[in-house]
């Protein structure tokens, strides 16, 4: 009877079902202890996140300014080239008119000379 009154003992190699579930999880390595003052508090994390967001915003503004400056420079070059071509065309037109006037004066002199010879 003494054998029956004792609880049923499992052999050392056998594992109870509850222990099987726990042993299926990987064992976590022991985390090193960190002093509380070394831990970042949520307020510090929020401040750092805010600083990072401000830095990103500043970098975006600077990149946008740089792109605008490049575009402005390019467009100014285009305007300068167009104005230069316009001035050159006006100068060429003026020279052409002067040549035409000189040619007309020469033709008139020739006509007067021919009329006097007749």
N, C-alpha and C. Protein backbone atom coordinates (compact mmCIF):
# COMPACT_ATOMS: atom_id res chain seq x y z
N UNK A 1 0.80 -1.20 0.00
CA UNK A 1 0.00 0.00 0.00
C UNK A 1 0.85 1.27 0.00
N UNK A 2 1.97 1.21 0.53
CA UNK A 2 2.81 2.40 0.58
C UNK A 2 3.19 2.85 -0.82
N UNK A 3 3.29 1.93 -1.72
CA UNK A 3 3.62 2.30 -3.09
C UNK A 3 2.51 3.11 -3.72
N UNK A 4 1.27 2.79 -3.39
CA UNK A 4 0.14 3.51 -3.97
C UNK A 4 -0.07 4.88 -3.35
N UNK A 5 0.25 5.08 -2.13
CA UNK A 5 0.01 6.35 -1.47
C UNK A 5 1.03 7.42 -1.90
N UNK A 6 2.15 7.01 -2.40
CA UNK A 6 3.15 7.98 -2.88
C UNK A 6 2.73 8.48 -4.26
N UNK A 7 3.00 9.78 -4.55
CA UNK A 7 2.65 10.29 -5.88
C UNK A 7 3.48 9.61 -6.94
N UNK A 8 2.94 9.57 -8.09
CA UNK A 8 3.59 8.92 -9.21
C UNK A 8 4.79 9.76 -9.64
N UNK A 9 5.98 9.24 -9.61
CA UNK A 9 7.18 9.97 -9.98
C UNK A 9 7.54 9.65 -11.41
N UNK A 10 7.88 10.68 -12.16
CA UNK A 10 8.28 10.49 -13.55
C UNK A 10 9.78 10.24 -13.60
N UNK A 11 10.19 9.45 -14.54
CA UNK A 11 11.63 9.23 -14.66
C UNK A 11 12.33 10.56 -15.00
N UNK A 12 13.58 10.72 -14.67
CA UNK A 12 14.27 11.99 -14.90
C UNK A 12 14.29 12.42 -16.36
N UNK A 13 14.23 11.51 -17.30
CA UNK A 13 14.24 11.89 -18.71
C UNK A 13 12.86 12.33 -19.18
N UNK A 14 11.82 11.97 -18.50
CA UNK A 14 10.47 12.37 -18.89
C UNK A 14 10.22 13.78 -18.41
N UNK A 15 9.48 14.56 -19.20
CA UNK A 15 9.18 15.95 -18.86
C UNK A 15 7.68 16.10 -18.81
N UNK A 16 7.22 16.84 -17.83
CA UNK A 16 5.78 17.09 -17.70
C UNK A 16 5.32 17.98 -18.85
N UNK A 17 4.04 17.90 -19.29
CA UNK A 17 3.56 18.70 -20.43
C UNK A 17 3.75 20.21 -20.24
N UNK A 18 3.54 20.75 -19.07
CA UNK A 18 3.72 22.19 -18.85
C UNK A 18 5.18 22.57 -19.05
N UNK A 19 6.07 21.72 -18.64
CA UNK A 19 7.49 22.00 -18.80
C UNK A 19 7.90 21.89 -20.27
N UNK A 20 7.21 21.03 -21.03
CA UNK A 20 7.51 20.89 -22.46
C UNK A 20 7.23 22.20 -23.18
N UNK A 21 6.13 22.85 -22.85
CA UNK A 21 5.77 24.11 -23.50
C UNK A 21 6.82 25.16 -23.18
N UNK A 22 7.25 25.22 -21.93
CA UNK A 22 8.24 26.20 -21.54
C UNK A 22 9.59 25.92 -22.19
N UNK A 23 9.94 24.67 -22.34
CA UNK A 23 11.25 24.35 -22.91
C UNK A 23 11.24 24.54 -24.43
N UNK A 24 10.07 24.63 -25.06
CA UNK A 24 10.00 24.86 -26.49
C UNK A 24 10.44 26.28 -26.83
N UNK A 25 10.28 27.23 -25.90
CA UNK A 25 10.72 28.61 -26.12
C UNK A 25 12.23 28.67 -25.96
N UNK A 26 12.88 29.48 -26.77
CA UNK A 26 14.33 29.59 -26.59
C UNK A 26 14.64 30.31 -25.28
N UNK A 27 15.65 29.89 -24.66
CA UNK A 27 16.04 30.50 -23.38
C UNK A 27 16.63 31.88 -23.68
N UNK A 28 16.16 32.90 -22.96
CA UNK A 28 16.67 34.26 -23.15
C UNK A 28 18.00 34.40 -22.45
N UNK A 29 18.94 35.07 -23.12
CA UNK A 29 20.21 35.30 -22.43
C UNK A 29 19.98 36.34 -21.32
N UNK A 30 20.75 36.24 -20.34
CA UNK A 30 20.63 37.15 -19.21
C UNK A 30 21.05 38.55 -19.66
N UNK A 31 20.18 39.54 -19.46
CA UNK A 31 20.46 40.91 -19.85
C UNK A 31 21.36 41.55 -18.80
N UNK A 32 22.35 42.33 -19.25
CA UNK A 32 23.21 43.00 -18.27
C UNK A 32 22.42 44.07 -17.53
N UNK A 33 22.74 44.30 -16.34
CA UNK A 33 22.05 45.29 -15.51
C UNK A 33 22.54 46.68 -15.91
N UNK A 34 21.59 47.60 -16.15
CA UNK A 34 21.92 48.97 -16.52
C UNK A 34 21.44 49.89 -15.42
N UNK A 35 22.28 50.79 -15.03
CA UNK A 35 21.89 51.73 -13.99
C UNK A 35 20.79 52.64 -14.52
N UNK A 36 19.92 53.08 -13.64
CA UNK A 36 18.77 53.88 -14.04
C UNK A 36 19.18 55.21 -14.67
N UNK A 37 20.25 55.82 -14.19
CA UNK A 37 20.65 57.11 -14.76
C UNK A 37 21.21 56.96 -16.18
N UNK A 38 21.64 55.72 -16.53
CA UNK A 38 22.14 55.48 -17.88
C UNK A 38 21.01 55.23 -18.87
N UNK A 39 19.84 54.94 -18.38
CA UNK A 39 18.71 54.70 -19.27
C UNK A 39 18.15 56.01 -19.79
N UNK A 40 17.71 56.02 -21.03
CA UNK A 40 17.07 57.21 -21.58
C UNK A 40 15.62 57.23 -21.12
N UNK A 41 15.21 58.37 -20.68
CA UNK A 41 13.82 58.51 -20.30
C UNK A 41 13.03 58.91 -21.53
N UNK A 42 11.74 58.70 -21.48
CA UNK A 42 10.89 59.01 -22.64
C UNK A 42 10.99 60.48 -23.03
N UNK A 43 11.15 61.35 -22.05
CA UNK A 43 11.28 62.77 -22.35
C UNK A 43 12.56 63.04 -23.14
N UNK A 44 13.63 62.33 -22.79
CA UNK A 44 14.88 62.48 -23.53
C UNK A 44 14.73 61.93 -24.95
N UNK A 45 14.07 60.81 -25.08
CA UNK A 45 13.83 60.23 -26.40
C UNK A 45 13.03 61.19 -27.25
N UNK A 46 12.00 61.80 -26.66
CA UNK A 46 11.17 62.75 -27.39
C UNK A 46 11.99 63.96 -27.83
N UNK A 47 12.85 64.46 -26.93
CA UNK A 47 13.70 65.61 -27.27
C UNK A 47 14.64 65.26 -28.42
N UNK A 48 15.23 64.07 -28.36
CA UNK A 48 16.13 63.64 -29.44
C UNK A 48 15.39 63.50 -30.76
N UNK A 49 14.19 62.94 -30.70
CA UNK A 49 13.38 62.79 -31.92
C UNK A 49 13.03 64.16 -32.49
N UNK A 50 12.71 65.11 -31.61
CA UNK A 50 12.38 66.46 -32.07
C UNK A 50 13.59 67.11 -32.72
N UNK A 51 14.77 66.96 -32.11
CA UNK A 51 16.01 67.50 -32.68
C UNK A 51 16.27 66.91 -34.05
N UNK A 52 16.09 65.59 -34.16
CA UNK A 52 16.33 64.91 -35.43
C UNK A 52 15.36 65.41 -36.50
N UNK A 53 14.10 65.59 -36.13
CA UNK A 53 13.11 66.10 -37.08
C UNK A 53 13.46 67.52 -37.52
N UNK A 54 13.91 68.35 -36.58
CA UNK A 54 14.32 69.71 -36.93
C UNK A 54 15.52 69.71 -37.87
N UNK A 55 16.46 68.82 -37.59
CA UNK A 55 17.64 68.69 -38.46
C UNK A 55 17.24 68.28 -39.87
N UNK A 56 16.35 67.30 -39.96
CA UNK A 56 15.88 66.84 -41.27
C UNK A 56 15.17 67.96 -42.01
N UNK A 57 14.34 68.72 -41.29
CA UNK A 57 13.62 69.83 -41.92
C UNK A 57 14.60 70.88 -42.41
N UNK A 58 15.63 71.17 -41.63
CA UNK A 58 16.63 72.15 -42.03
C UNK A 58 17.39 71.66 -43.28
N UNK A 59 17.73 70.39 -43.31
CA UNK A 59 18.43 69.83 -44.46
C UNK A 59 17.55 69.90 -45.71
N UNK A 60 16.25 69.64 -45.55
CA UNK A 60 15.34 69.73 -46.68
C UNK A 60 15.26 71.17 -47.19
N UNK A 61 15.19 72.13 -46.24
CA UNK A 61 15.14 73.54 -46.64
C UNK A 61 16.40 73.94 -47.40
N UNK A 62 17.55 73.50 -46.90
CA UNK A 62 18.82 73.83 -47.55
C UNK A 62 18.90 73.19 -48.94
N UNK A 63 18.44 71.95 -49.06
CA UNK A 63 18.45 71.28 -50.36
C UNK A 63 17.53 72.00 -51.34
N UNK A 64 16.36 72.44 -50.84
CA UNK A 64 15.42 73.16 -51.68
C UNK A 64 16.01 74.49 -52.13
N UNK A 65 16.67 75.21 -51.20
CA UNK A 65 17.31 76.48 -51.53
C UNK A 65 18.39 76.28 -52.59
N UNK A 66 19.18 75.22 -52.41
CA UNK A 66 20.25 74.93 -53.36
C UNK A 66 19.68 74.65 -54.75
N UNK A 67 18.63 73.86 -54.81
CA UNK A 67 17.99 73.55 -56.09
C UNK A 67 17.43 74.82 -56.72
N UNK A 68 16.80 75.67 -55.91
CA UNK A 68 16.25 76.92 -56.43
C UNK A 68 17.36 77.82 -56.97
N UNK A 69 18.47 77.87 -56.26
CA UNK A 69 19.60 78.68 -56.72
C UNK A 69 20.13 78.18 -58.06
N UNK A 70 20.25 76.86 -58.18
CA UNK A 70 20.71 76.28 -59.45
C UNK A 70 19.75 76.61 -60.59
N UNK A 71 18.46 76.48 -60.32
CA UNK A 71 17.46 76.77 -61.36
C UNK A 71 17.50 78.25 -61.72
N UNK A 72 17.60 79.12 -60.69
CA UNK A 72 17.67 80.56 -60.94
C UNK A 72 18.87 80.90 -61.81
N UNK A 73 20.03 80.31 -61.50
CA UNK A 73 21.24 80.55 -62.27
C UNK A 73 21.06 80.10 -63.71
N UNK A 74 20.50 78.91 -63.89
CA UNK A 74 20.27 78.39 -65.24
C UNK A 74 19.33 79.29 -66.03
N UNK A 75 18.23 79.69 -65.39
CA UNK A 75 17.27 80.56 -66.09
C UNK A 75 17.87 81.92 -66.40
N UNK A 76 18.69 82.46 -65.49
CA UNK A 76 19.35 83.75 -65.76
C UNK A 76 20.29 83.63 -66.95
N UNK A 77 20.99 82.52 -67.07
CA UNK A 77 21.86 82.29 -68.23
C UNK A 77 21.04 82.28 -69.51
N UNK A 78 19.87 81.62 -69.45
CA UNK A 78 19.00 81.58 -70.63
C UNK A 78 18.56 82.99 -71.03
N UNK A 79 18.17 83.79 -70.03
CA UNK A 79 17.72 85.16 -70.30
C UNK A 79 18.87 85.98 -70.88
N UNK A 80 20.06 85.84 -70.29
CA UNK A 80 21.23 86.59 -70.78
C UNK A 80 21.55 86.23 -72.23
N UNK A 81 21.50 84.93 -72.53
CA UNK A 81 21.76 84.50 -73.91
C UNK A 81 20.72 85.07 -74.87
N UNK A 82 19.46 85.06 -74.47
CA UNK A 82 18.40 85.58 -75.33
C UNK A 82 18.59 87.08 -75.56
N UNK A 83 18.91 87.83 -74.49
CA UNK A 83 19.13 89.26 -74.63
C UNK A 83 20.34 89.55 -75.51
N UNK A 84 21.38 88.74 -75.36
CA UNK A 84 22.58 88.91 -76.18
C UNK A 84 22.26 88.68 -77.66
N UNK A 85 21.49 87.64 -77.95
CA UNK A 85 21.10 87.36 -79.34
C UNK A 85 20.24 88.50 -79.89
N UNK A 86 19.37 89.02 -79.03
CA UNK A 86 18.50 90.13 -79.44
C UNK A 86 19.35 91.36 -79.78
N UNK A 87 20.32 91.67 -78.93
CA UNK A 87 21.19 92.82 -79.18
C UNK A 87 22.00 92.62 -80.45
N UNK A 88 22.50 91.41 -80.64
CA UNK A 88 23.29 91.13 -81.85
C UNK A 88 22.41 91.28 -83.09
N UNK A 89 21.19 90.78 -83.04
CA UNK A 89 20.27 90.90 -84.17
C UNK A 89 19.97 92.38 -84.45
N UNK A 90 19.77 93.18 -83.40
CA UNK A 90 19.51 94.61 -83.58
C UNK A 90 20.72 95.30 -84.19
N UNK A 91 21.93 94.95 -83.74
CA UNK A 91 23.17 95.53 -84.29
C UNK A 91 23.33 95.14 -85.75
N UNK A 92 23.07 93.87 -86.07
CA UNK A 92 23.16 93.42 -87.47
C UNK A 92 22.15 94.17 -88.34
N UNK A 93 20.95 94.38 -87.84
CA UNK A 93 19.93 95.10 -88.58
C UNK A 93 20.36 96.55 -88.82
N UNK A 94 20.95 97.18 -87.79
CA UNK A 94 21.42 98.56 -87.93
C UNK A 94 22.52 98.65 -88.99
N UNK A 95 23.48 97.72 -88.94
CA UNK A 95 24.55 97.71 -89.94
C UNK A 95 24.00 97.50 -91.35
N UNK A 96 23.03 96.60 -91.46
CA UNK A 96 22.42 96.33 -92.77
C UNK A 96 21.75 97.60 -93.31
N UNK A 97 21.02 98.32 -92.44
CA UNK A 97 20.35 99.56 -92.86
C UNK A 97 21.37 100.61 -93.30
N UNK A 98 22.48 100.72 -92.57
CA UNK A 98 23.53 101.67 -92.94
C UNK A 98 24.11 101.32 -94.30
N UNK A 99 24.33 100.02 -94.53
CA UNK A 99 24.85 99.59 -95.83
C UNK A 99 23.85 99.89 -96.94
N UNK A 100 22.58 99.67 -96.69
CA UNK A 100 21.53 99.96 -97.68
C UNK A 100 21.50 101.46 -98.00
N UNK A 101 21.58 102.30 -96.93
CA UNK A 101 21.58 103.75 -97.13
C UNK A 101 22.79 104.19 -97.96
N UNK A 102 23.95 103.62 -97.64
CA UNK A 102 25.17 103.97 -98.38
C UNK A 102 25.03 103.54 -99.84
N UNK A 103 24.49 102.38 -100.05
CA UNK A 103 24.29 101.87 -101.43
C UNK A 103 23.31 102.75 -102.19
N UNK A 104 22.23 103.20 -101.52
CA UNK A 104 21.24 104.08 -102.15
C UNK A 104 21.87 105.43 -102.52
N UNK A 105 22.69 105.98 -101.63
CA UNK A 105 23.37 107.25 -101.92
C UNK A 105 24.31 107.10 -103.12
N UNK A 106 25.04 106.01 -103.18
CA UNK A 106 25.94 105.76 -104.31
C UNK A 106 25.15 105.64 -105.62
N UNK A 107 24.02 104.93 -105.54
CA UNK A 107 23.18 104.77 -106.74
C UNK A 107 22.65 106.13 -107.21
N UNK A 108 22.21 107.00 -106.28
CA UNK A 108 21.71 108.33 -106.63
C UNK A 108 22.80 109.16 -107.29
N UNK A 109 24.04 109.10 -106.73
CA UNK A 109 25.15 109.84 -107.34
C UNK A 109 25.43 109.36 -108.76
N UNK A 110 25.40 108.02 -108.89
CA UNK A 110 25.63 107.45 -110.23
C UNK A 110 24.55 107.91 -111.19
N UNK A 111 23.30 107.94 -110.74
CA UNK A 111 22.21 108.37 -111.61
C UNK A 111 22.36 109.84 -112.01
N UNK A 112 22.76 110.69 -111.03
CA UNK A 112 22.99 112.12 -111.34
C UNK A 112 24.13 112.30 -112.32
N UNK A 113 25.18 111.54 -112.14
CA UNK A 113 26.33 111.61 -113.04
C UNK A 113 25.93 111.22 -114.46
N UNK A 114 25.16 110.14 -114.55
CA UNK A 114 24.71 109.68 -115.87
C UNK A 114 23.78 110.72 -116.51
N UNK A 115 22.96 111.38 -115.71
CA UNK A 115 22.04 112.38 -116.25
C UNK A 115 22.81 113.60 -116.74
N UNK A 116 23.88 113.96 -116.07
CA UNK A 116 24.69 115.09 -116.46
C UNK A 116 25.46 114.78 -117.75
N UNK A 117 25.86 113.54 -117.92
CA UNK A 117 26.60 113.14 -119.10
C UNK A 117 25.71 113.12 -120.32
N UNK A 118 24.47 113.04 -120.23
CA UNK A 118 23.56 112.96 -121.38
C UNK A 118 23.29 114.29 -121.92
